[in-house]
Amino acid sequence: KLTFPILPAYDYATGTLKVLSIPQNWVVGPHGIVRLKGVGYDP
């Protein structure tokens, strides 16, 4: 029951972003700059 947008992004994530592991969590600042990045999830 997720309420936030889920975008199909296989080509973008693997080709442009070079995502090799998931999950990844990014916080992007107001000017579009990735300010914080984390890999993984801790329950």
PDB file of all heavy atoms in Angstrom:
ATOM      1  N   LYS A   1       0.820  -1.219   0.000  1.00  0.00           N
ATOM      2  CA  LYS A   1       0.000   0.000   0.000  1.00  0.00           C
ATOM      3  C   LYS A   1       0.858   1.276   0.000  1.00  0.00           C
ATOM      4  O   LYS A   1       0.649   2.187   0.801  1.00  0.00           O
ATOM      5  CB  LYS A   1      -0.956  -0.010   1.188  1.00  0.00           C
ATOM      6  CG  LYS A   1      -1.921  -1.178   1.135  1.00  0.00           C
ATOM      7  CD  LYS A   1      -2.842  -1.201   2.330  1.00  0.00           C
ATOM      8  CE  LYS A   1      -3.862  -2.272   2.158  1.00  0.00           C
ATOM      9  NZ  LYS A   1      -3.723  -3.444   2.889  1.00  0.00           N
ATOM     10  N   LEU A   2       1.809   1.332  -0.924  1.00  0.00           N
ATOM     11  CA  LEU A   2       2.674   2.503  -1.027  1.00  0.00           C
ATOM     12  C   LEU A   2       1.923   3.658  -1.672  1.00  0.00           C
ATOM     13  O   LEU A   2       1.151   3.463  -2.613  1.00  0.00           O
ATOM     14  CB  LEU A   2       3.921   2.167  -1.835  1.00  0.00           C
ATOM     15  CG  LEU A   2       4.767   1.030  -1.271  1.00  0.00           C
ATOM     16  CD1 LEU A   2       5.968   0.752  -2.164  1.00  0.00           C
ATOM     17  CD2 LEU A   2       5.221   1.337   0.143  1.00  0.00           C
ATOM     18  N   THR A   3       2.128   4.851  -1.159  1.00  0.00           N
ATOM     19  CA  THR A   3       1.386   6.009  -1.647  1.00  0.00           C
ATOM     20  C   THR A   3       2.248   6.985  -2.443  1.00  0.00           C
ATOM     21  O   THR A   3       1.720   7.900  -3.058  1.00  0.00           O
ATOM     22  CB  THR A   3       0.762   6.777  -0.468  1.00  0.00           C
ATOM     23  OG1 THR A   3       1.802   7.215   0.411  1.00  0.00           O
ATOM     24  CG2 THR A   3      -0.228   5.895   0.291  1.00  0.00           C
ATOM     25  N   PHE A   4       3.564   6.807  -2.445  1.00  0.00           N
ATOM     26  CA  PHE A   4       4.417   7.720  -3.215  1.00  0.00           C
ATOM     27  C   PHE A   4       4.612   7.144  -4.624  1.00  0.00           C
ATOM     28  O   PHE A   4       4.430   5.951  -4.851  1.00  0.00           O
ATOM     29  CB  PHE A   4       5.753   7.972  -2.503  1.00  0.00           C
ATOM     30  CG  PHE A   4       6.475   6.740  -2.051  1.00  0.00           C
ATOM     31  CD1 PHE A   4       7.321   6.054  -2.909  1.00  0.00           C
ATOM     32  CD2 PHE A   4       6.316   6.260  -0.775  1.00  0.00           C
ATOM     33  CE1 PHE A   4       7.989   4.914  -2.501  1.00  0.00           C
ATOM     34  CE2 PHE A   4       6.978   5.131  -0.347  1.00  0.00           C
ATOM     35  CZ  PHE A   4       7.822   4.445  -1.221  1.00  0.00           C
ATOM     36  N   PRO A   5       4.994   8.002  -5.585  1.00  0.00           N
ATOM     37  CA  PRO A   5       5.131   7.535  -6.971  1.00  0.00           C
ATOM     38  C   PRO A   5       6.246   6.494  -7.129  1.00  0.00           C
ATOM     39  O   PRO A   5       7.317   6.619  -6.540  1.00  0.00           O
ATOM     40  CB  PRO A   5       5.501   8.802  -7.751  1.00  0.00           C
ATOM     41  CG  PRO A   5       5.172   9.935  -6.854  1.00  0.00           C
ATOM     42  CD  PRO A   5       5.230   9.431  -5.453  1.00  0.00           C
ATOM     43  N   ILE A   6       5.958   5.479  -7.929  1.00  0.00           N
ATOM     44  CA  ILE A   6       6.932   4.454  -8.298  1.00  0.00           C
ATOM     45  C   ILE A   6       7.103   4.570  -9.816  1.00  0.00           C
ATOM     46  O   ILE A   6       6.159   4.328 -10.572  1.00  0.00           O
ATOM     47  CB  ILE A   6       6.443   3.026  -7.951  1.00  0.00           C
ATOM     48  CG1 ILE A   6       5.931   2.934  -6.522  1.00  0.00           C
ATOM     49  CG2 ILE A   6       7.525   2.009  -8.259  1.00  0.00           C
ATOM     50  CD1 ILE A   6       6.944   3.088  -5.441  1.00  0.00           C
ATOM     51  N   LEU A   7       8.284   4.964 -10.251  1.00  0.00           N
ATOM     52  CA  LEU A   7       8.527   5.186 -11.668  1.00  0.00           C
ATOM     53  C   LEU A   7       9.285   4.021 -12.285  1.00  0.00           C
ATOM     54  O   LEU A   7      10.289   3.572 -11.718  1.00  0.00           O
ATOM     55  CB  LEU A   7       9.348   6.469 -11.864  1.00  0.00           C
ATOM     56  CG  LEU A   7       8.796   7.729 -11.209  1.00  0.00           C
ATOM     57  CD1 LEU A   7       9.768   8.885 -11.405  1.00  0.00           C
ATOM     58  CD2 LEU A   7       7.436   8.068 -11.775  1.00  0.00           C
ATOM     59  N   PRO A   8       8.851   3.536 -13.457  1.00  0.00           N
ATOM     60  CA  PRO A   8       9.642   2.504 -14.143  1.00  0.00           C
ATOM     61  C   PRO A   8      10.944   3.145 -14.621  1.00  0.00           C
ATOM     62  O   PRO A   8      10.927   4.127 -15.360  1.00  0.00           O
ATOM     63  CB  PRO A   8       8.750   2.068 -15.305  1.00  0.00           C
ATOM     64  CG  PRO A   8       7.763   3.165 -15.485  1.00  0.00           C
ATOM     65  CD  PRO A   8       7.658   3.910 -14.184  1.00  0.00           C
ATOM     66  N   ALA A   9      12.083   2.620 -14.161  1.00  0.00           N
ATOM     67  CA  ALA A   9      13.345   3.311 -14.446  1.00  0.00           C
ATOM     68  C   ALA A   9      14.516   2.356 -14.626  1.00  0.00           C
ATOM     69  O   ALA A   9      15.655   2.698 -14.311  1.00  0.00           O
ATOM     70  CB  ALA A   9      13.631   4.291 -13.309  1.00  0.00           C
ATOM     71  N   TYR A  10      14.280   1.182 -15.145  1.00  0.00           N
ATOM     72  CA  TYR A  10      15.363   0.210 -15.297  1.00  0.00           C
ATOM     73  C   TYR A  10      16.516   0.781 -16.123  1.00  0.00           C
ATOM     74  O   TYR A  10      17.669   0.783 -15.684  1.00  0.00           O
ATOM     75  CB  TYR A  10      14.843  -1.092 -15.922  1.00  0.00           C
ATOM     76  CG  TYR A  10      15.945  -2.102 -16.148  1.00  0.00           C
ATOM     77  CD1 TYR A  10      16.379  -2.910 -15.104  1.00  0.00           C
ATOM     78  CD2 TYR A  10      16.552  -2.230 -17.394  1.00  0.00           C
ATOM     79  CE1 TYR A  10      17.395  -3.824 -15.292  1.00  0.00           C
ATOM     80  CE2 TYR A  10      17.572  -3.136 -17.588  1.00  0.00           C
ATOM     81  CZ  TYR A  10      17.993  -3.929 -16.543  1.00  0.00           C
ATOM     82  OH  TYR A  10      19.017  -4.825 -16.729  1.00  0.00           O
ATOM     83  N   ASP A  11      16.220   1.266 -17.323  1.00  0.00           N
ATOM     84  CA  ASP A  11      17.277   1.791 -18.200  1.00  0.00           C
ATOM     85  C   ASP A  11      17.968   3.004 -17.589  1.00  0.00           C
ATOM     86  O   ASP A  11      19.193   3.130 -17.643  1.00  0.00           O
ATOM     87  CB  ASP A  11      16.713   2.152 -19.582  1.00  0.00           C
ATOM     88  CG  ASP A  11      16.314   0.917 -20.378  1.00  0.00           C
ATOM     89  OD1 ASP A  11      16.871  -0.174 -20.113  1.00  0.00           O
ATOM     90  OD2 ASP A  11      15.445   1.047 -21.263  1.00  0.00           O
ATOM     91  N   TYR A  12      17.188   3.893 -16.990  1.00  0.00           N
ATOM     92  CA  TYR A  12      17.759   5.094 -16.375  1.00  0.00           C
ATOM     93  C   TYR A  12      18.670   4.734 -15.194  1.00  0.00           C
ATOM     94  O   TYR A  12      19.791   5.219 -15.085  1.00  0.00           O
ATOM     95  CB  TYR A  12      16.639   6.034 -15.915  1.00  0.00           C
ATOM     96  CG  TYR A  12      17.126   7.277 -15.228  1.00  0.00           C
ATOM     97  CD1 TYR A  12      17.834   8.244 -15.928  1.00  0.00           C
ATOM     98  CD2 TYR A  12      16.878   7.485 -13.871  1.00  0.00           C
ATOM     99  CE1 TYR A  12      18.294   9.390 -15.296  1.00  0.00           C
ATOM    100  CE2 TYR A  12      17.330   8.627 -13.240  1.00  0.00           C
ATOM    101  CZ  TYR A  12      18.036   9.575 -13.955  1.00  0.00           C
ATOM    102  OH  TYR A  12      18.495  10.707 -13.329  1.00  0.00           O
ATOM    103  N   ALA A  13      18.190   3.855 -14.325  1.00  0.00           N
ATOM    104  CA  ALA A  13      18.958   3.499 -13.129  1.00  0.00           C
ATOM    105  C   ALA A  13      20.218   2.717 -13.478  1.00  0.00           C
ATOM    106  O   ALA A  13      21.290   2.984 -12.929  1.00  0.00           O
ATOM    107  CB  ALA A  13      18.096   2.704 -12.160  1.00  0.00           C
ATOM    108  N   THR A  14      20.109   1.758 -14.374  1.00  0.00           N
ATOM    109  CA  THR A  14      21.270   0.929 -14.687  1.00  0.00           C
ATOM    110  C   THR A  14      22.206   1.590 -15.689  1.00  0.00           C
ATOM    111  O   THR A  14      23.416   1.402 -15.607  1.00  0.00           O
ATOM    112  CB  THR A  14      20.840  -0.457 -15.204  1.00  0.00           C
ATOM    113  OG1 THR A  14      20.034  -0.287 -16.380  1.00  0.00           O
ATOM    114  CG2 THR A  14      20.067  -1.215 -14.144  1.00  0.00           C
ATOM    115  N   GLY A  15      21.649   2.384 -16.608  1.00  0.00           N
ATOM    116  CA  GLY A  15      22.486   3.016 -17.634  1.00  0.00           C
ATOM    117  C   GLY A  15      23.033   4.369 -17.229  1.00  0.00           C
ATOM    118  O   GLY A  15      24.242   4.595 -17.230  1.00  0.00           O
ATOM    119  N   THR A  16      22.164   5.268 -16.832  1.00  0.00           N
ATOM    120  CA  THR A  16      22.574   6.637 -16.500  1.00  0.00           C
ATOM    121  C   THR A  16      23.146   6.746 -15.093  1.00  0.00           C
ATOM    122  O   THR A  16      24.211   7.310 -14.884  1.00  0.00           O
ATOM    123  CB  THR A  16      21.381   7.605 -16.660  1.00  0.00           C
ATOM    124  OG1 THR A  16      20.878   7.493 -17.989  1.00  0.00           O
ATOM    125  CG2 THR A  16      21.793   9.037 -16.389  1.00  0.00           C
ATOM    126  N   LEU A  17      22.423   6.203 -14.111  1.00  0.00           N
ATOM    127  CA  LEU A  17      22.856   6.327 -12.719  1.00  0.00           C
ATOM    128  C   LEU A  17      23.886   5.273 -12.319  1.00  0.00           C
ATOM    129  O   LEU A  17      24.537   5.420 -11.289  1.00  0.00           O
ATOM    130  CB  LEU A  17      21.651   6.221 -11.775  1.00  0.00           C
ATOM    131  CG  LEU A  17      20.584   7.293 -11.928  1.00  0.00           C
ATOM    132  CD1 LEU A  17      19.416   7.009 -10.990  1.00  0.00           C
ATOM    133  CD2 LEU A  17      21.158   8.672 -11.679  1.00  0.00           C
ATOM    134  N   LYS A  18      24.000   4.219 -13.107  1.00  0.00           N
ATOM    135  CA  LYS A  18      24.935   3.112 -12.820  1.00  0.00           C
ATOM    136  C   LYS A  18      24.667   2.477 -11.456  1.00  0.00           C
ATOM    137  O   LYS A  18      25.577   2.182 -10.698  1.00  0.00           O
ATOM    138  CB  LYS A  18      26.385   3.582 -12.905  1.00  0.00           C
ATOM    139  CG  LYS A  18      26.757   4.273 -14.189  1.00  0.00           C
ATOM    140  CD  LYS A  18      26.732   3.317 -15.346  1.00  0.00           C
ATOM    141  CE  LYS A  18      27.229   4.032 -16.597  1.00  0.00           C
ATOM    142  NZ  LYS A  18      26.701   3.516 -17.810  1.00  0.00           N
ATOM    143  N   VAL A  19      23.387   2.286 -11.130  1.00  0.00           N
ATOM    144  CA  VAL A  19      22.987   1.653  -9.876  1.00  0.00           C
ATOM    145  C   VAL A  19      23.353   0.174  -9.952  1.00  0.00           C
ATOM    146  O   VAL A  19      22.910  -0.534 -10.846  1.00  0.00           O
ATOM    147  CB  VAL A  19      21.476   1.837  -9.618  1.00  0.00           C
ATOM    148  CG1 VAL A  19      21.006   0.969  -8.474  1.00  0.00           C
ATOM    149  CG2 VAL A  19      21.168   3.296  -9.355  1.00  0.00           C
ATOM    150  N   LEU A  20      24.169  -0.273  -9.010  1.00  0.00           N
ATOM    151  CA  LEU A  20      24.598  -1.667  -8.984  1.00  0.00           C
ATOM    152  C   LEU A  20      24.019  -2.425  -7.804  1.00  0.00           C
ATOM    153  O   LEU A  20      24.064  -3.650  -7.774  1.00  0.00           O
ATOM    154  CB  LEU A  20      26.126  -1.736  -8.946  1.00  0.00           C
ATOM    155  CG  LEU A  20      26.836  -1.066 -10.120  1.00  0.00           C
ATOM    156  CD1 LEU A  20      28.341  -1.095  -9.916  1.00  0.00           C
ATOM    157  CD2 LEU A  20      26.466  -1.730 -11.429  1.00  0.00           C
ATOM    158  N   SER A  21      23.523  -1.717  -6.805  1.00  0.00           N
ATOM    159  CA  SER A  21      22.937  -2.385  -5.644  1.00  0.00           C
ATOM    160  C   SER A  21      21.694  -1.638  -5.204  1.00  0.00           C
ATOM    161  O   SER A  21      21.580  -0.429  -5.405  1.00  0.00           O
ATOM    162  CB  SER A  21      23.946  -2.457  -4.496  1.00  0.00           C
ATOM    163  OG  SER A  21      24.339  -1.165  -4.107  1.00  0.00           O
ATOM    164  N   ILE A  22      20.752  -2.380  -4.628  1.00  0.00           N
ATOM    165  CA  ILE A  22      19.514  -1.772  -4.148  1.00  0.00           C
ATOM    166  C   ILE A  22      19.216  -2.319  -2.769  1.00  0.00           C
ATOM    167  O   ILE A  22      19.696  -3.398  -2.425  1.00  0.00           O
ATOM    168  CB  ILE A  22      18.335  -2.039  -5.109  1.00  0.00           C
ATOM    169  CG1 ILE A  22      18.142  -3.538  -5.321  1.00  0.00           C
ATOM    170  CG2 ILE A  22      18.519  -1.327  -6.420  1.00  0.00           C
ATOM    171  CD1 ILE A  22      16.887  -3.900  -6.071  1.00  0.00           C
ATOM    172  N   PRO A  23      18.449  -1.655  -1.962  1.00  0.00           N
ATOM    173  CA  PRO A  23      17.911  -0.315  -2.212  1.00  0.00           C
ATOM    174  C   PRO A  23      18.956   0.765  -1.985  1.00  0.00           C
ATOM    175  O   PRO A  23      19.923   0.576  -1.267  1.00  0.00           O
ATOM    176  CB  PRO A  23      16.796  -0.204  -1.180  1.00  0.00           C
ATOM    177  CG  PRO A  23      17.257  -1.038  -0.032  1.00  0.00           C
ATOM    178  CD  PRO A  23      18.030  -2.175  -0.651  1.00  0.00           C
ATOM    179  N   GLN A  24      18.733   1.889  -2.634  1.00  0.00           N
ATOM    180  CA  GLN A  24      19.533   3.085  -2.408  1.00  0.00           C
ATOM    181  C   GLN A  24      18.583   4.194  -2.000  1.00  0.00           C
ATOM    182  O   GLN A  24      17.466   4.283  -2.507  1.00  0.00           O
ATOM    183  CB  GLN A  24      20.295   3.504  -3.664  1.00  0.00           C
ATOM    184  CG  GLN A  24      21.390   2.546  -4.015  1.00  0.00           C
ATOM    185  CD  GLN A  24      22.317   3.095  -5.076  1.00  0.00           C
ATOM    186  OE1 GLN A  24      22.327   4.289  -5.391  1.00  0.00           O
ATOM    187  NE2 GLN A  24      23.115   2.211  -5.645  1.00  0.00           N
ATOM    188  N   ASN A  25      19.031   5.028  -1.104  1.00  0.00           N
ATOM    189  CA  ASN A  25      18.220   6.142  -0.607  1.00  0.00           C
ATOM    190  C   ASN A  25      19.008   7.418  -0.828  1.00  0.00           C
ATOM    191  O   ASN A  25      20.154   7.515  -0.385  1.00  0.00           O
ATOM    192  CB  ASN A  25      17.944   5.954   0.889  1.00  0.00           C
ATOM    193  CG  ASN A  25      17.330   4.612   1.176  1.00  0.00           C
ATOM    194  OD1 ASN A  25      16.186   4.389   0.875  1.00  0.00           O
ATOM    195  ND2 ASN A  25      18.113   3.702   1.723  1.00  0.00           N
ATOM    196  N   TRP A  26      18.415   8.350  -1.522  1.00  0.00           N
ATOM    197  CA  TRP A  26      19.078   9.610  -1.822  1.00  0.00           C
ATOM    198  C   TRP A  26      18.243  10.751  -1.272  1.00  0.00           C
ATOM    199  O   TRP A  26      17.016  10.744  -1.364  1.00  0.00           O
ATOM    200  CB  TRP A  26      19.225   9.819  -3.314  1.00  0.00           C
ATOM    201  CG  TRP A  26      19.999   8.756  -4.033  1.00  0.00           C
ATOM    202  CD1 TRP A  26      20.583   7.628  -3.511  1.00  0.00           C
ATOM    203  CD2 TRP A  26      20.275   8.726  -5.417  1.00  0.00           C
ATOM    204  NE1 TRP A  26      21.193   6.907  -4.485  1.00  0.00           N
ATOM    205  CE2 TRP A  26      21.031   7.558  -5.677  1.00  0.00           C
ATOM    206  CE3 TRP A  26      19.963   9.559  -6.473  1.00  0.00           C
ATOM    207  CZ2 TRP A  26      21.480   7.220  -6.948  1.00  0.00           C
ATOM    208  CZ3 TRP A  26      20.410   9.223  -7.732  1.00  0.00           C
ATOM    209  CH2 TRP A  26      21.160   8.061  -7.955  1.00  0.00           C
ATOM    210  N   VAL A  27      18.920  11.758  -0.749  1.00  0.00           N
ATOM    211  CA  VAL A  27      18.271  13.011  -0.396  1.00  0.00           C
ATOM    212  C   VAL A  27      18.858  14.046  -1.335  1.00  0.00           C
ATOM    213  O   VAL A  27      20.076  14.254  -1.376  1.00  0.00           O
ATOM    214  CB  VAL A  27      18.510  13.395   1.084  1.00  0.00           C
ATOM    215  CG1 VAL A  27      17.893  14.755   1.386  1.00  0.00           C
ATOM    216  CG2 VAL A  27      17.927  12.326   2.005  1.00  0.00           C
ATOM    217  N   VAL A  28      17.981  14.656  -2.115  1.00  0.00           N
ATOM    218  CA  VAL A  28      18.392  15.638  -3.112  1.00  0.00           C
ATOM    219  C   VAL A  28      17.988  17.007  -2.605  1.00  0.00           C
ATOM    220  O   VAL A  28      16.839  17.217  -2.219  1.00  0.00           O
ATOM    221  CB  VAL A  28      17.744  15.336  -4.480  1.00  0.00           C
ATOM    222  CG1 VAL A  28      18.175  16.353  -5.520  1.00  0.00           C
ATOM    223  CG2 VAL A  28      18.089  13.912  -4.924  1.00  0.00           C
ATOM    224  N   GLY A  29      18.928  17.942  -2.603  1.00  0.00           N
ATOM    225  CA  GLY A  29      18.669  19.292  -2.114  1.00  0.00           C
ATOM    226  C   GLY A  29      17.804  20.091  -3.060  1.00  0.00           C
ATOM    227  O   GLY A  29      17.449  19.637  -4.162  1.00  0.00           O
ATOM    228  N   PRO A  30      17.460  21.315  -2.663  1.00  0.00           N
ATOM    229  CA  PRO A  30      16.535  22.136  -3.454  1.00  0.00           C
ATOM    230  C   PRO A  30      17.055  22.518  -4.830  1.00  0.00           C
ATOM    231  O   PRO A  30      16.283  22.913  -5.677  1.00  0.00           O
ATOM    232  CB  PRO A  30      16.320  23.383  -2.585  1.00  0.00           C
ATOM    233  CG  PRO A  30      17.339  23.339  -1.528  1.00  0.00           C
ATOM    234  CD  PRO A  30      17.865  21.953  -1.429  1.00  0.00           C
ATOM    235  N   HIS A  31      18.351  22.369  -5.096  1.00  0.00           N
ATOM    236  CA  HIS A  31      18.898  22.720  -6.407  1.00  0.00           C
ATOM    237  C   HIS A  31      19.219  21.485  -7.244  1.00  0.00           C
ATOM    238  O   HIS A  31      19.932  21.573  -8.233  1.00  0.00           O
ATOM    239  CB  HIS A  31      20.140  23.592  -6.235  1.00  0.00           C
ATOM    240  CG  HIS A  31      19.850  24.846  -5.475  1.00  0.00           C
ATOM    241  ND1 HIS A  31      19.066  25.874  -5.979  1.00  0.00           N
ATOM    242  CD2 HIS A  31      20.198  25.233  -4.234  1.00  0.00           C
ATOM    243  CE1 HIS A  31      18.956  26.828  -5.089  1.00  0.00           C
ATOM    244  NE2 HIS A  31      19.629  26.463  -4.008  1.00  0.00           N
ATOM    245  N   GLY A  32      18.685  20.329  -6.825  1.00  0.00           N
ATOM    246  CA  GLY A  32      18.865  19.105  -7.592  1.00  0.00           C
ATOM    247  C   GLY A  32      20.185  18.397  -7.353  1.00  0.00           C
ATOM    248  O   GLY A  32      20.531  17.482  -8.088  1.00  0.00           O
ATOM    249  N   ILE A  33      20.929  18.783  -6.341  1.00  0.00           N
ATOM    250  CA  ILE A  33      22.209  18.154  -6.036  1.00  0.00           C
ATOM    251  C   ILE A  33      21.988  17.044  -5.016  1.00  0.00           C
ATOM    252  O   ILE A  33      21.333  17.263  -3.998  1.00  0.00           O
ATOM    253  CB  ILE A  33      23.210  19.191  -5.486  1.00  0.00           C
ATOM    254  CG1 ILE A  33      23.476  20.275  -6.538  1.00  0.00           C
ATOM    255  CG2 ILE A  33      24.505  18.523  -5.036  1.00  0.00           C
ATOM    256  CD1 ILE A  33      24.240  21.461  -6.011  1.00  0.00           C
ATOM    257  N   VAL A  34      22.537  15.858  -5.291  1.00  0.00           N
ATOM    258  CA  VAL A  34      22.451  14.753  -4.335  1.00  0.00           C
ATOM    259  C   VAL A  34      23.298  15.137  -3.136  1.00  0.00           C
ATOM    260  O   VAL A  34      24.510  15.308  -3.230  1.00  0.00           O
ATOM    261  CB  VAL A  34      22.945  13.424  -4.945  1.00  0.00           C
ATOM    262  CG1 VAL A  34      22.962  12.328  -3.896  1.00  0.00           C
ATOM    263  CG2 VAL A  34      22.065  13.023  -6.118  1.00  0.00           C
ATOM    264  N   ARG A  35      22.646  15.343  -2.005  1.00  0.00           N
ATOM    265  CA  ARG A  35      23.335  15.780  -0.793  1.00  0.00           C
ATOM    266  C   ARG A  35      23.704  14.614   0.113  1.00  0.00           C
ATOM    267  O   ARG A  35      24.705  14.658   0.802  1.00  0.00           O
ATOM    268  CB  ARG A  35      22.468  16.785  -0.014  1.00  0.00           C
ATOM    269  CG  ARG A  35      22.053  18.008  -0.811  1.00  0.00           C
ATOM    270  CD  ARG A  35      23.210  18.725  -1.443  1.00  0.00           C
ATOM    271  NE  ARG A  35      24.092  19.265  -0.410  1.00  0.00           N
ATOM    272  CZ  ARG A  35      25.198  19.946  -0.660  1.00  0.00           C
ATOM    273  NH1 ARG A  35      25.572  20.172  -1.887  1.00  0.00           N
ATOM    274  NH2 ARG A  35      25.934  20.392   0.321  1.00  0.00           N
ATOM    275  N   LEU A  36      22.889  13.595   0.151  1.00  0.00           N
ATOM    276  CA  LEU A  36      23.136  12.441   1.011  1.00  0.00           C
ATOM    277  C   LEU A  36      22.741  11.181   0.262  1.00  0.00           C
ATOM    278  O   LEU A  36      21.765  11.187  -0.484  1.00  0.00           O
ATOM    279  CB  LEU A  36      22.325  12.553   2.308  1.00  0.00           C
ATOM    280  CG  LEU A  36      22.625  13.782   3.154  1.00  0.00           C
ATOM    281  CD1 LEU A  36      21.483  14.053   4.109  1.00  0.00           C
ATOM    282  CD2 LEU A  36      23.918  13.615   3.908  1.00  0.00           C
ATOM    283  N   LYS A  37      23.497  10.120   0.467  1.00  0.00           N
ATOM    284  CA  LYS A  37      23.218   8.875  -0.239  1.00  0.00           C
ATOM    285  C   LYS A  37      23.501   7.699   0.690  1.00  0.00           C
ATOM    286  O   LYS A  37      24.494   7.706   1.408  1.00  0.00           O
ATOM    287  CB  LYS A  37      24.103   8.784  -1.475  1.00  0.00           C
ATOM    288  CG  LYS A  37      23.879   7.570  -2.330  1.00  0.00           C
ATOM    289  CD  LYS A  37      24.765   7.631  -3.554  1.00  0.00           C
ATOM    290  CE  LYS A  37      24.606   6.397  -4.397  1.00  0.00           C
ATOM    291  NZ  LYS A  37      25.482   6.431  -5.567  1.00  0.00           N
ATOM    292  N   GLY A  38      22.624   6.739   0.683  1.00  0.00           N
ATOM    293  CA  GLY A  38      22.826   5.535   1.477  1.00  0.00           C
ATOM    294  C   GLY A  38      22.407   4.315   0.692  1.00  0.00           C
ATOM    295  O   GLY A  38      21.528   4.378  -0.155  1.00  0.00           O
ATOM    296  N   VAL A  39      23.051   3.207   0.953  1.00  0.00           N
ATOM    297  CA  VAL A  39      22.714   1.940   0.313  1.00  0.00           C
ATOM    298  C   VAL A  39      22.224   0.995   1.395  1.00  0.00           C
ATOM    299  O   VAL A  39      22.834   0.893   2.458  1.00  0.00           O
ATOM    300  CB  VAL A  39      23.932   1.334  -0.410  1.00  0.00           C
ATOM    301  CG1 VAL A  39      23.593  -0.019  -1.005  1.00  0.00           C
ATOM    302  CG2 VAL A  39      24.440   2.281  -1.488  1.00  0.00           C
ATOM    303  N   GLY A  40      21.106   0.347   1.138  1.00  0.00           N
ATOM    304  CA  GLY A  40      20.580  -0.627   2.077  1.00  0.00           C
ATOM    305  C   GLY A  40      19.428  -0.087   2.897  1.00  0.00           C
ATOM    306  O   GLY A  40      19.014   1.058   2.747  1.00  0.00           O
ATOM    307  N   TYR A  41      18.935  -0.950   3.734  1.00  0.00           N
ATOM    308  CA  TYR A  41      17.802  -0.620   4.587  1.00  0.00           C
ATOM    309  C   TYR A  41      18.008  -1.320   5.918  1.00  0.00           C
ATOM    310  O   TYR A  41      18.478  -2.456   5.970  1.00  0.00           O
ATOM    311  CB  TYR A  41      16.487  -1.070   3.955  1.00  0.00           C
ATOM    312  CG  TYR A  41      15.306  -0.950   4.883  1.00  0.00           C
ATOM    313  CD1 TYR A  41      14.767   0.291   5.171  1.00  0.00           C
ATOM    314  CD2 TYR A  41      14.754  -2.071   5.489  1.00  0.00           C
ATOM    315  CE1 TYR A  41      13.685   0.410   6.049  1.00  0.00           C
ATOM    316  CE2 TYR A  41      13.681  -1.962   6.352  1.00  0.00           C
ATOM    317  CZ  TYR A  41      13.156  -0.720   6.623  1.00  0.00           C
ATOM    318  OH  TYR A  41      12.113  -0.599   7.481  1.00  0.00           O
ATOM    319  N   ASP A  42      17.667  -0.646   6.982  1.00  0.00           N
ATOM    320  CA  ASP A  42      17.775  -1.189   8.328  1.00  0.00           C
ATOM    321  C   ASP A  42      16.374  -1.090   8.940  1.00  0.00           C
ATOM    322  O   ASP A  42      15.827   0.001   9.048  1.00  0.00           O
ATOM    323  CB  ASP A  42      18.779  -0.349   9.123  1.00  0.00           C
ATOM    324  CG  ASP A  42      18.941  -0.771  10.565  1.00  0.00           C
ATOM    325  OD1 ASP A  42      18.210  -1.677  11.022  1.00  0.00           O
ATOM    326  OD2 ASP A  42      19.788  -0.183  11.248  1.00  0.00           O
ATOM    327  N   PRO A  43      15.750  -2.201   9.315  1.00  0.00           N
ATOM    328  CA  PRO A  43      14.374  -2.154   9.822  1.00  0.00           C
ATOM    329  C   PRO A  43      14.242  -1.549  11.226  1.00  0.00           C
ATOM    330  O   PRO A  43      13.133  -1.413  11.724  1.00  0.00           O
ATOM    331  CB  PRO A  43      13.938  -3.622   9.816  1.00  0.00           C
ATOM    332  CG  PRO A  43      15.205  -4.391   9.942  1.00  0.00           C
ATOM    333  CD  PRO A  43      16.252  -3.570   9.231  1.00  0.00           C
TER     334      PRO A  43
END
